[in-house]
Amino acid sequence: SAAATKAPIAKTADKVAGVFVPFVLAVAAVTAAVWLALGADAGFAL
């Protein structure tokens, strides 16, 4: 039961993970867009 159930801190980590991936995808897209806007070539931004 100790292995299968979660402590409160583990539940918090899972909540963060649930929104983490979409957030990272958005940050990556913004990163590429900002570098392109600053005049960097596509390879550098990518």
ModelCIF file with pLDDT and N, C-alpha, C, O atoms, coordinates in Angstrom:
data_MODEL
#
_entry.id   MODEL 
#
_entity.id                         1 
_entity.type                       polymer 
_entity.pdbx_number_of_molecules   1 
#
_entity_poly.entity_id                      1 
_entity_poly.type                           'polypeptide(L)' 
_entity_poly.nstd_linkage                   no 
_entity_poly.nstd_monomer                   no 
_entity_poly.pdbx_seq_one_letter_code       SAAATKAPIAKTADKVAGVFVPFVLAVAAVTAAVWLALGADAGFAL 
_entity_poly.pdbx_seq_one_letter_code_can   SAAATKAPIAKTADKVAGVFVPFVLAVAAVTAAVWLALGADAGFAL 
_entity_poly.pdbx_strand_id                 A 
#
loop_
_entity_poly_seq.entity_id 
_entity_poly_seq.num 
_entity_poly_seq.mon_id 
_entity_poly_seq.hetero 
1 1  SER n 
1 2  ALA n 
1 3  ALA n 
1 4  ALA n 
1 5  THR n 
1 6  LYS n 
1 7  ALA n 
1 8  PRO n 
1 9  ILE n 
1 10 ALA n 
1 11 LYS n 
1 12 THR n 
1 13 ALA n 
1 14 ASP n 
1 15 LYS n 
1 16 VAL n 
1 17 ALA n 
1 18 GLY n 
1 19 VAL n 
1 20 PHE n 
1 21 VAL n 
1 22 PRO n 
1 23 PHE n 
1 24 VAL n 
1 25 LEU n 
1 26 ALA n 
1 27 VAL n 
1 28 ALA n 
1 29 ALA n 
1 30 VAL n 
1 31 THR n 
1 32 ALA n 
1 33 ALA n 
1 34 VAL n 
1 35 TRP n 
1 36 LEU n 
1 37 ALA n 
1 38 LEU n 
1 39 GLY n 
1 40 ALA n 
1 41 ASP n 
1 42 ALA n 
1 43 GLY n 
1 44 PHE n 
1 45 ALA n 
1 46 LEU n 
#
_struct_asym.id          A 
_struct_asym.entity_id   1 
#
loop_
_ma_qa_metric.id 
_ma_qa_metric.mode 
_ma_qa_metric.name 
_ma_qa_metric.software_group_id 
_ma_qa_metric.type 
1 global pLDDT . pLDDT 
2 local  pLDDT . pLDDT 
#
_ma_qa_metric_global.metric_id      1 
_ma_qa_metric_global.metric_value   78.63 
_ma_qa_metric_global.model_id       1 
_ma_qa_metric_global.ordinal_id     1 
#
loop_
_ma_qa_metric_local.label_asym_id 
_ma_qa_metric_local.label_comp_id 
_ma_qa_metric_local.label_seq_id 
_ma_qa_metric_local.metric_id 
_ma_qa_metric_local.metric_value 
_ma_qa_metric_local.model_id 
_ma_qa_metric_local.ordinal_id 
A SER 1  2 68.00 1 1  
A ALA 2  2 66.00 1 2  
A ALA 3  2 62.00 1 3  
A ALA 4  2 61.00 1 4  
A THR 5  2 62.00 1 5  
A LYS 6  2 62.00 1 6  
A ALA 7  2 63.00 1 7  
A PRO 8  2 67.00 1 8  
A ILE 9  2 63.00 1 9  
A ALA 10 2 62.00 1 10 
A LYS 11 2 64.00 1 11 
A THR 12 2 70.00 1 12 
A ALA 13 2 64.00 1 13 
A ASP 14 2 61.00 1 14 
A LYS 15 2 68.00 1 15 
A VAL 16 2 70.00 1 16 
A ALA 17 2 63.00 1 17 
A GLY 18 2 65.00 1 18 
A VAL 19 2 76.00 1 19 
A PHE 20 2 77.00 1 20 
A VAL 21 2 77.00 1 21 
A PRO 22 2 83.00 1 22 
A PHE 23 2 85.00 1 23 
A VAL 24 2 84.00 1 24 
A LEU 25 2 86.00 1 25 
A ALA 26 2 90.00 1 26 
A VAL 27 2 91.00 1 27 
A ALA 28 2 89.00 1 28 
A ALA 29 2 92.00 1 29 
A VAL 30 2 95.00 1 30 
A THR 31 2 94.00 1 31 
A ALA 32 2 92.00 1 32 
A ALA 33 2 94.00 1 33 
A VAL 34 2 96.00 1 34 
A TRP 35 2 94.00 1 35 
A LEU 36 2 93.00 1 36 
A ALA 37 2 94.00 1 37 
A LEU 38 2 93.00 1 38 
A GLY 39 2 90.00 1 39 
A ALA 40 2 88.00 1 40 
A ASP 41 2 84.00 1 41 
A ALA 42 2 82.00 1 42 
A GLY 43 2 79.00 1 43 
A PHE 44 2 85.00 1 44 
A ALA 45 2 89.00 1 45 
A LEU 46 2 84.00 1 46 
#
loop_
_atom_site.group_PDB 
_atom_site.id 
_atom_site.type_symbol 
_atom_site.label_atom_id 
_atom_site.label_alt_id 
_atom_site.label_comp_id 
_atom_site.label_asym_id 
_atom_site.label_entity_id 
_atom_site.label_seq_id 
_atom_site.pdbx_PDB_ins_code 
_atom_site.Cartn_x 
_atom_site.Cartn_y 
_atom_site.Cartn_z 
_atom_site.occupancy 
_atom_site.B_iso_or_equiv 
_atom_site.pdbx_formal_charge 
_atom_site.auth_seq_id 
_atom_site.auth_comp_id 
_atom_site.auth_asym_id 
_atom_site.auth_atom_id 
_atom_site.pdbx_PDB_model_num 
ATOM 1   N N  . SER A 1 1  ? 0.833  -1.206 0.000   1.00 68.00 ? 1  SER A N  1 
ATOM 2   C CA . SER A 1 1  ? 0.000  0.000  0.000   1.00 68.00 ? 1  SER A CA 1 
ATOM 3   C C  . SER A 1 1  ? 0.866  1.254  0.000   1.00 68.00 ? 1  SER A C  1 
ATOM 4   O O  . SER A 1 1  ? 0.520  2.256  -0.626  1.00 68.00 ? 1  SER A O  1 
ATOM 5   N N  . ALA A 1 2  ? 1.993  1.194  0.706   1.00 66.00 ? 2  ALA A N  1 
ATOM 6   C CA . ALA A 1 2  ? 2.905  2.340  0.732   1.00 66.00 ? 2  ALA A CA 1 
ATOM 7   C C  . ALA A 1 2  ? 3.460  2.616  -0.663  1.00 66.00 ? 2  ALA A C  1 
ATOM 8   O O  . ALA A 1 2  ? 3.716  3.765  -1.024  1.00 66.00 ? 2  ALA A O  1 
ATOM 9   N N  . ALA A 1 3  ? 3.646  1.538  -1.449  1.00 62.00 ? 3  ALA A N  1 
ATOM 10  C CA . ALA A 1 3  ? 4.178  1.712  -2.805  1.00 62.00 ? 3  ALA A CA 1 
ATOM 11  C C  . ALA A 1 3  ? 3.112  2.166  -3.781  1.00 62.00 ? 3  ALA A C  1 
ATOM 12  O O  . ALA A 1 3  ? 3.399  2.896  -4.730  1.00 62.00 ? 3  ALA A O  1 
ATOM 13  N N  . ALA A 1 4  ? 1.861  1.729  -3.545  1.00 61.00 ? 4  ALA A N  1 
ATOM 14  C CA . ALA A 1 4  ? 0.795  1.983  -4.522  1.00 61.00 ? 4  ALA A CA 1 
ATOM 15  C C  . ALA A 1 4  ? 0.045  3.286  -4.274  1.00 61.00 ? 4  ALA A C  1 
ATOM 16  O O  . ALA A 1 4  ? -0.549 3.838  -5.200  1.00 61.00 ? 4  ALA A O  1 
ATOM 17  N N  . THR A 1 5  ? 0.060  3.783  -3.049  1.00 62.00 ? 5  THR A N  1 
ATOM 18  C CA . THR A 1 5  ? -0.656 5.014  -2.743  1.00 62.00 ? 5  THR A CA 1 
ATOM 19  C C  . THR A 1 5  ? 0.314  6.189  -2.734  1.00 62.00 ? 5  THR A C  1 
ATOM 20  O O  . THR A 1 5  ? 1.532  6.011  -2.734  1.00 62.00 ? 5  THR A O  1 
ATOM 21  N N  . LYS A 1 6  ? -0.240 7.365  -2.728  1.00 62.00 ? 6  LYS A N  1 
ATOM 22  C CA . LYS A 1 6  ? 0.591  8.562  -2.867  1.00 62.00 ? 6  LYS A CA 1 
ATOM 23  C C  . LYS A 1 6  ? 0.576  9.409  -1.596  1.00 62.00 ? 6  LYS A C  1 
ATOM 24  O O  . LYS A 1 6  ? -0.447 9.552  -0.927  1.00 62.00 ? 6  LYS A O  1 
ATOM 25  N N  . ALA A 1 7  ? 1.737  9.958  -1.293  1.00 63.00 ? 7  ALA A N  1 
ATOM 26  C CA . ALA A 1 7  ? 1.828  10.986 -0.268  1.00 63.00 ? 7  ALA A CA 1 
ATOM 27  C C  . ALA A 1 7  ? 1.359  12.299 -0.893  1.00 63.00 ? 7  ALA A C  1 
ATOM 28  O O  . ALA A 1 7  ? 1.333  12.419 -2.117  1.00 63.00 ? 7  ALA A O  1 
ATOM 29  N N  . PRO A 1 8  ? 0.986  13.285 -0.070  1.00 67.00 ? 8  PRO A N  1 
ATOM 30  C CA . PRO A 1 8  ? 0.528  14.568 -0.620  1.00 67.00 ? 8  PRO A CA 1 
ATOM 31  C C  . PRO A 1 8  ? 1.517  15.201 -1.591  1.00 67.00 ? 8  PRO A C  1 
ATOM 32  O O  . PRO A 1 8  ? 1.105  15.779 -2.597  1.00 67.00 ? 8  PRO A O  1 
ATOM 33  N N  . ILE A 1 9  ? 2.818  15.103 -1.307  1.00 63.00 ? 9  ILE A N  1 
ATOM 34  C CA . ILE A 1 9  ? 3.806  15.726 -2.188  1.00 63.00 ? 9  ILE A CA 1 
ATOM 35  C C  . ILE A 1 9  ? 3.835  15.021 -3.534  1.00 63.00 ? 9  ILE A C  1 
ATOM 36  O O  . ILE A 1 9  ? 4.083  15.654 -4.560  1.00 63.00 ? 9  ILE A O  1 
ATOM 37  N N  . ALA A 1 10 ? 3.579  13.690 -3.542  1.00 62.00 ? 10 ALA A N  1 
ATOM 38  C CA . ALA A 1 10 ? 3.552  12.950 -4.808  1.00 62.00 ? 10 ALA A CA 1 
ATOM 39  C C  . ALA A 1 10 ? 2.350  13.378 -5.645  1.00 62.00 ? 10 ALA A C  1 
ATOM 40  O O  . ALA A 1 10 ? 2.446  13.480 -6.868  1.00 62.00 ? 10 ALA A O  1 
ATOM 41  N N  . LYS A 1 11 ? 1.219  13.627 -4.989  1.00 64.00 ? 11 LYS A N  1 
ATOM 42  C CA . LYS A 1 11 ? 0.034  14.095 -5.714  1.00 64.00 ? 11 LYS A CA 1 
ATOM 43  C C  . LYS A 1 11 ? 0.295  15.467 -6.336  1.00 64.00 ? 11 LYS A C  1 
ATOM 44  O O  . LYS A 1 11 ? -0.160 15.755 -7.443  1.00 64.00 ? 11 LYS A O  1 
ATOM 45  N N  . THR A 1 12 ? 1.031  16.307 -5.610  1.00 70.00 ? 12 THR A N  1 
ATOM 46  C CA . THR A 1 12 ? 1.380  17.618 -6.151  1.00 70.00 ? 12 THR A CA 1 
ATOM 47  C C  . THR A 1 12 ? 2.264  17.484 -7.387  1.00 70.00 ? 12 THR A C  1 
ATOM 48  O O  . THR A 1 12 ? 2.077  18.193 -8.375  1.00 70.00 ? 12 THR A O  1 
ATOM 49  N N  . ALA A 1 13 ? 3.234  16.563 -7.321  1.00 64.00 ? 13 ALA A N  1 
ATOM 50  C CA . ALA A 1 13 ? 4.122  16.340 -8.471  1.00 64.00 ? 13 ALA A CA 1 
ATOM 51  C C  . ALA A 1 13 ? 3.328  15.872 -9.687  1.00 64.00 ? 13 ALA A C  1 
ATOM 52  O O  . ALA A 1 13 ? 3.610  16.285 -10.811 1.00 64.00 ? 13 ALA A O  1 
ATOM 53  N N  . ASP A 1 14 ? 2.332  15.010 -9.463  1.00 61.00 ? 14 ASP A N  1 
ATOM 54  C CA . ASP A 1 14 ? 1.517  14.514 -10.580 1.00 61.00 ? 14 ASP A CA 1 
ATOM 55  C C  . ASP A 1 14 ? 0.665  15.625 -11.186 1.00 61.00 ? 14 ASP A C  1 
ATOM 56  O O  . ASP A 1 14 ? 0.449  15.656 -12.398 1.00 61.00 ? 14 ASP A O  1 
ATOM 57  N N  . LYS A 1 15 ? 0.182  16.537 -10.343 1.00 68.00 ? 15 LYS A N  1 
ATOM 58  C CA . LYS A 1 15 ? -0.595 17.669 -10.872 1.00 68.00 ? 15 LYS A CA 1 
ATOM 59  C C  . LYS A 1 15 ? 0.279  18.547 -11.757 1.00 68.00 ? 15 LYS A C  1 
ATOM 60  O O  . LYS A 1 15 ? -0.153 19.009 -12.813 1.00 68.00 ? 15 LYS A O  1 
ATOM 61  N N  . VAL A 1 16 ? 1.508  18.771 -11.315 1.00 70.00 ? 16 VAL A N  1 
ATOM 62  C CA . VAL A 1 16 ? 2.434  19.573 -12.117 1.00 70.00 ? 16 VAL A CA 1 
ATOM 63  C C  . VAL A 1 16 ? 2.718  18.877 -13.445 1.00 70.00 ? 16 VAL A C  1 
ATOM 64  O O  . VAL A 1 16 ? 2.741  19.519 -14.496 1.00 70.00 ? 16 VAL A O  1 
ATOM 65  N N  . ALA A 1 17 ? 2.936  17.559 -13.394 1.00 63.00 ? 17 ALA A N  1 
ATOM 66  C CA . ALA A 1 17 ? 3.247  16.799 -14.609 1.00 63.00 ? 17 ALA A CA 1 
ATOM 67  C C  . ALA A 1 17 ? 2.094  16.831 -15.595 1.00 63.00 ? 17 ALA A C  1 
ATOM 68  O O  . ALA A 1 17 ? 2.312  16.782 -16.806 1.00 63.00 ? 17 ALA A O  1 
ATOM 69  N N  . GLY A 1 18 ? 0.873  16.913 -15.092 1.00 65.00 ? 18 GLY A N  1 
ATOM 70  C CA . GLY A 1 18 ? -0.294 16.903 -15.964 1.00 65.00 ? 18 GLY A CA 1 
ATOM 71  C C  . GLY A 1 18 ? -0.354 18.103 -16.900 1.00 65.00 ? 18 GLY A C  1 
ATOM 72  O O  . GLY A 1 18 ? -0.921 18.012 -17.988 1.00 65.00 ? 18 GLY A O  1 
ATOM 73  N N  . VAL A 1 19 ? 0.225  19.220 -16.488 1.00 76.00 ? 19 VAL A N  1 
ATOM 74  C CA . VAL A 1 19 ? 0.203  20.434 -17.338 1.00 76.00 ? 19 VAL A CA 1 
ATOM 75  C C  . VAL A 1 19 ? 1.594  20.787 -17.843 1.00 76.00 ? 19 VAL A C  1 
ATOM 76  O O  . VAL A 1 19 ? 1.772  21.756 -18.581 1.00 76.00 ? 19 VAL A O  1 
ATOM 77  N N  . PHE A 1 20 ? 2.584  19.985 -17.433 1.00 77.00 ? 20 PHE A N  1 
ATOM 78  C CA . PHE A 1 20 ? 3.973  20.327 -17.741 1.00 77.00 ? 20 PHE A CA 1 
ATOM 79  C C  . PHE A 1 20 ? 4.260  20.235 -19.232 1.00 77.00 ? 20 PHE A C  1 
ATOM 80  O O  . PHE A 1 20 ? 4.857  21.146 -19.807 1.00 77.00 ? 20 PHE A O  1 
ATOM 81  N N  . VAL A 1 21 ? 3.835  19.135 -19.866 1.00 77.00 ? 21 VAL A N  1 
ATOM 82  C CA . VAL A 1 21 ? 4.176  18.910 -21.279 1.00 77.00 ? 21 VAL A CA 1 
ATOM 83  C C  . VAL A 1 21 ? 3.582  19.989 -22.187 1.00 77.00 ? 21 VAL A C  1 
ATOM 84  O O  . VAL A 1 21 ? 4.313  20.551 -23.002 1.00 77.00 ? 21 VAL A O  1 
ATOM 85  N N  . PRO A 1 22 ? 2.271  20.306 -22.078 1.00 83.00 ? 22 PRO A N  1 
ATOM 86  C CA . PRO A 1 22 ? 1.746  21.394 -22.918 1.00 83.00 ? 22 PRO A CA 1 
ATOM 87  C C  . PRO A 1 22 ? 2.475  22.715 -22.690 1.00 83.00 ? 22 PRO A C  1 
ATOM 88  O O  . PRO A 1 22 ? 2.695  23.481 -23.628 1.00 83.00 ? 22 PRO A O  1 
ATOM 89  N N  . PHE A 1 23 ? 2.847  22.974 -21.440 1.00 85.00 ? 23 PHE A N  1 
ATOM 90  C CA . PHE A 1 23 ? 3.571  24.200 -21.118 1.00 85.00 ? 23 PHE A CA 1 
ATOM 91  C C  . PHE A 1 23 ? 4.933  24.227 -21.816 1.00 85.00 ? 23 PHE A C  1 
ATOM 92  O O  . PHE A 1 23 ? 5.325  25.254 -22.371 1.00 85.00 ? 23 PHE A O  1 
ATOM 93  N N  . VAL A 1 24 ? 5.652  23.105 -21.791 1.00 84.00 ? 24 VAL A N  1 
ATOM 94  C CA . VAL A 1 24 ? 6.966  23.033 -22.432 1.00 84.00 ? 24 VAL A CA 1 
ATOM 95  C C  . VAL A 1 24 ? 6.831  23.202 -23.942 1.00 84.00 ? 24 VAL A C  1 
ATOM 96  O O  . VAL A 1 24 ? 7.650  23.879 -24.563 1.00 84.00 ? 24 VAL A O  1 
ATOM 97  N N  . LEU A 1 25 ? 5.813  22.598 -24.532 1.00 86.00 ? 25 LEU A N  1 
ATOM 98  C CA . LEU A 1 25 ? 5.588  22.755 -25.975 1.00 86.00 ? 25 LEU A CA 1 
ATOM 99  C C  . LEU A 1 25 ? 5.370  24.230 -26.328 1.00 86.00 ? 25 LEU A C  1 
ATOM 100 O O  . LEU A 1 25 ? 5.887  24.722 -27.330 1.00 86.00 ? 25 LEU A O  1 
ATOM 101 N N  . ALA A 1 26 ? 4.609  24.914 -25.499 1.00 90.00 ? 26 ALA A N  1 
ATOM 102 C CA . ALA A 1 26 ? 4.356  26.335 -25.739 1.00 90.00 ? 26 ALA A CA 1 
ATOM 103 C C  . ALA A 1 26 ? 5.640  27.152 -25.602 1.00 90.00 ? 26 ALA A C  1 
ATOM 104 O O  . ALA A 1 26 ? 5.893  28.042 -26.413 1.00 90.00 ? 26 ALA A O  1 
ATOM 105 N N  . VAL A 1 27 ? 6.444  26.861 -24.594 1.00 91.00 ? 27 VAL A N  1 
ATOM 106 C CA . VAL A 1 27 ? 7.700  27.587 -24.391 1.00 91.00 ? 27 VAL A CA 1 
ATOM 107 C C  . VAL A 1 27 ? 8.647  27.354 -25.568 1.00 91.00 ? 27 VAL A C  1 
ATOM 108 O O  . VAL A 1 27 ? 9.319  28.283 -26.015 1.00 91.00 ? 27 VAL A O  1 
ATOM 109 N N  . ALA A 1 28 ? 8.703  26.123 -26.071 1.00 89.00 ? 28 ALA A N  1 
ATOM 110 C CA . ALA A 1 28 ? 9.576  25.819 -27.207 1.00 89.00 ? 28 ALA A CA 1 
ATOM 111 C C  . ALA A 1 28 ? 9.143  26.600 -28.453 1.00 89.00 ? 28 ALA A C  1 
ATOM 112 O O  . ALA A 1 28 ? 9.979  27.121 -29.191 1.00 89.00 ? 28 ALA A O  1 
ATOM 113 N N  . ALA A 1 29 ? 7.823  26.673 -28.677 1.00 92.00 ? 29 ALA A N  1 
ATOM 114 C CA . ALA A 1 29 ? 7.313  27.423 -29.830 1.00 92.00 ? 29 ALA A CA 1 
ATOM 115 C C  . ALA A 1 29 ? 7.639  28.904 -29.698 1.00 92.00 ? 29 ALA A C  1 
ATOM 116 O O  . ALA A 1 29 ? 8.039  29.543 -30.672 1.00 92.00 ? 29 ALA A O  1 
ATOM 117 N N  . VAL A 1 30 ? 7.471  29.454 -28.495 1.00 95.00 ? 30 VAL A N  1 
ATOM 118 C CA . VAL A 1 30 ? 7.786  30.861 -28.256 1.00 95.00 ? 30 VAL A CA 1 
ATOM 119 C C  . VAL A 1 30 ? 9.282  31.114 -28.452 1.00 95.00 ? 30 VAL A C  1 
ATOM 120 O O  . VAL A 1 30 ? 9.677  32.140 -29.005 1.00 95.00 ? 30 VAL A O  1 
ATOM 121 N N  . THR A 1 31 ? 10.115 30.166 -27.991 1.00 94.00 ? 31 THR A N  1 
ATOM 122 C CA . THR A 1 31 ? 11.568 30.302 -28.148 1.00 94.00 ? 31 THR A CA 1 
ATOM 123 C C  . THR A 1 31 ? 11.950 30.426 -29.616 1.00 94.00 ? 31 THR A C  1 
ATOM 124 O O  . THR A 1 31 ? 12.718 31.309 -30.000 1.00 94.00 ? 31 THR A O  1 
ATOM 125 N N  . ALA A 1 32 ? 11.398 29.518 -30.440 1.00 92.00 ? 32 ALA A N  1 
ATOM 126 C CA . ALA A 1 32 ? 11.704 29.566 -31.873 1.00 92.00 ? 32 ALA A CA 1 
ATOM 127 C C  . ALA A 1 32 ? 11.200 30.863 -32.499 1.00 92.00 ? 32 ALA A C  1 
ATOM 128 O O  . ALA A 1 32 ? 11.893 31.477 -33.310 1.00 92.00 ? 32 ALA A O  1 
ATOM 129 N N  . ALA A 1 33 ? 9.990  31.278 -32.120 1.00 94.00 ? 33 ALA A N  1 
ATOM 130 C CA . ALA A 1 33 ? 9.408  32.488 -32.700 1.00 94.00 ? 33 ALA A CA 1 
ATOM 131 C C  . ALA A 1 33 ? 10.221 33.727 -32.331 1.00 94.00 ? 33 ALA A C  1 
ATOM 132 O O  . ALA A 1 33 ? 10.427 34.603 -33.172 1.00 94.00 ? 33 ALA A O  1 
ATOM 133 N N  . VAL A 1 34 ? 10.681 33.809 -31.092 1.00 96.00 ? 34 VAL A N  1 
ATOM 134 C CA . VAL A 1 34 ? 11.448 34.978 -30.647 1.00 96.00 ? 34 VAL A CA 1 
ATOM 135 C C  . VAL A 1 34 ? 12.772 35.071 -31.393 1.00 96.00 ? 34 VAL A C  1 
ATOM 136 O O  . VAL A 1 34 ? 13.155 36.153 -31.837 1.00 96.00 ? 34 VAL A O  1 
ATOM 137 N N  . TRP A 1 35 ? 13.481 33.940 -31.536 1.00 94.00 ? 35 TRP A N  1 
ATOM 138 C CA . TRP A 1 35 ? 14.765 33.970 -32.245 1.00 94.00 ? 35 TRP A CA 1 
ATOM 139 C C  . TRP A 1 35 ? 14.573 34.347 -33.718 1.00 94.00 ? 35 TRP A C  1 
ATOM 140 O O  . TRP A 1 35 ? 15.371 35.096 -34.282 1.00 94.00 ? 35 TRP A O  1 
ATOM 141 N N  . LEU A 1 36 ? 13.512 33.822 -34.332 1.00 93.00 ? 36 LEU A N  1 
ATOM 142 C CA . LEU A 1 36 ? 13.237 34.178 -35.723 1.00 93.00 ? 36 LEU A CA 1 
ATOM 143 C C  . LEU A 1 36 ? 12.920 35.667 -35.851 1.00 93.00 ? 36 LEU A C  1 
ATOM 144 O O  . LEU A 1 36 ? 13.341 36.320 -36.806 1.00 93.00 ? 36 LEU A O  1 
ATOM 145 N N  . ALA A 1 37 ? 12.170 36.200 -34.874 1.00 94.00 ? 37 ALA A N  1 
ATOM 146 C CA . ALA A 1 37 ? 11.820 37.620 -34.889 1.00 94.00 ? 37 ALA A CA 1 
ATOM 147 C C  . ALA A 1 37 ? 13.050 38.505 -34.702 1.00 94.00 ? 37 ALA A C  1 
ATOM 148 O O  . ALA A 1 37 ? 13.101 39.637 -35.183 1.00 94.00 ? 37 ALA A O  1 
ATOM 149 N N  . LEU A 1 38 ? 14.049 37.957 -33.985 1.00 93.00 ? 38 LEU A N  1 
ATOM 150 C CA . LEU A 1 38 ? 15.273 38.724 -33.750 1.00 93.00 ? 38 LEU A CA 1 
ATOM 151 C C  . LEU A 1 38 ? 16.253 38.630 -34.915 1.00 93.00 ? 38 LEU A C  1 
ATOM 152 O O  . LEU A 1 38 ? 17.340 39.207 -34.880 1.00 93.00 ? 38 LEU A O  1 
ATOM 153 N N  . GLY A 1 39 ? 15.845 37.885 -35.956 1.00 90.00 ? 39 GLY A N  1 
ATOM 154 C CA . GLY A 1 39 ? 16.678 37.825 -37.152 1.00 90.00 ? 39 GLY A CA 1 
ATOM 155 C C  . GLY A 1 39 ? 17.561 36.605 -37.265 1.00 90.00 ? 39 GLY A C  1 
ATOM 156 O O  . GLY A 1 39 ? 18.363 36.511 -38.195 1.00 90.00 ? 39 GLY A O  1 
ATOM 157 N N  . ALA A 1 40 ? 17.435 35.658 -36.333 1.00 88.00 ? 40 ALA A N  1 
ATOM 158 C CA . ALA A 1 40 ? 18.251 34.449 -36.413 1.00 88.00 ? 40 ALA A CA 1 
ATOM 159 C C  . ALA A 1 40 ? 17.763 33.572 -37.554 1.00 88.00 ? 40 ALA A C  1 
ATOM 160 O O  . ALA A 1 40 ? 16.595 33.635 -37.940 1.00 88.00 ? 40 ALA A O  1 
ATOM 161 N N  . ASP A 1 41 ? 18.675 32.739 -38.101 1.00 84.00 ? 41 ASP A N  1 
ATOM 162 C CA . ASP A 1 41 ? 18.239 31.848 -39.176 1.00 84.00 ? 41 ASP A CA 1 
ATOM 163 C C  . ASP A 1 41 ? 17.430 30.693 -38.596 1.00 84.00 ? 41 ASP A C  1 
ATOM 164 O O  . ASP A 1 41 ? 17.404 30.486 -37.383 1.00 84.00 ? 41 ASP A O  1 
ATOM 165 N N  . ALA A 1 42 ? 16.769 29.941 -39.481 1.00 82.00 ? 42 ALA A N  1 
ATOM 166 C CA . ALA A 1 42 ? 15.859 28.882 -39.044 1.00 82.00 ? 42 ALA A CA 1 
ATOM 167 C C  . ALA A 1 42 ? 16.583 27.798 -38.249 1.00 82.00 ? 42 ALA A C  1 
ATOM 168 O O  . ALA A 1 42 ? 16.050 27.288 -37.264 1.00 82.00 ? 42 ALA A O  1 
ATOM 169 N N  . GLY A 1 43 ? 17.801 27.445 -38.678 1.00 79.00 ? 43 GLY A N  1 
ATOM 170 C CA . GLY A 1 43 ? 18.553 26.408 -37.977 1.00 79.00 ? 43 GLY A CA 1 
ATOM 171 C C  . GLY A 1 43 ? 18.873 26.794 -36.550 1.00 79.00 ? 43 GLY A C  1 
ATOM 172 O O  . GLY A 1 43 ? 18.769 25.971 -35.641 1.00 79.00 ? 43 GLY A O  1 
ATOM 173 N N  . PHE A 1 44 ? 19.265 28.052 -36.346 1.00 85.00 ? 44 PHE A N  1 
ATOM 174 C CA . PHE A 1 44 ? 19.602 28.530 -34.998 1.00 85.00 ? 44 PHE A CA 1 
ATOM 175 C C  . PHE A 1 44 ? 18.364 28.523 -34.106 1.00 85.00 ? 44 PHE A C  1 
ATOM 176 O O  . PHE A 1 44 ? 18.417 28.064 -32.965 1.00 85.00 ? 44 PHE A O  1 
ATOM 177 N N  . ALA A 1 45 ? 17.256 29.031 -34.629 1.00 89.00 ? 45 ALA A N  1 
ATOM 178 C CA . ALA A 1 45 ? 16.013 29.060 -33.854 1.00 89.00 ? 45 ALA A CA 1 
ATOM 179 C C  . ALA A 1 45 ? 15.542 27.650 -33.527 1.00 89.00 ? 45 ALA A C  1 
ATOM 180 O O  . ALA A 1 45 ? 15.069 27.384 -32.421 1.00 89.00 ? 45 ALA A O  1 
ATOM 181 N N  . LEU A 1 46 ? 15.674 26.751 -34.493 1.00 84.00 ? 46 LEU A N  1 
ATOM 182 C CA . LEU A 1 46 ? 15.254 25.369 -34.285 1.00 84.00 ? 46 LEU A CA 1 
ATOM 183 C C  . LEU A 1 46 ? 16.113 24.691 -33.231 1.00 84.00 ? 46 LEU A C  1 
ATOM 184 O O  . LEU A 1 46 ? 15.902 23.518 -32.924 1.00 84.00 ? 46 LEU A O  1 
#
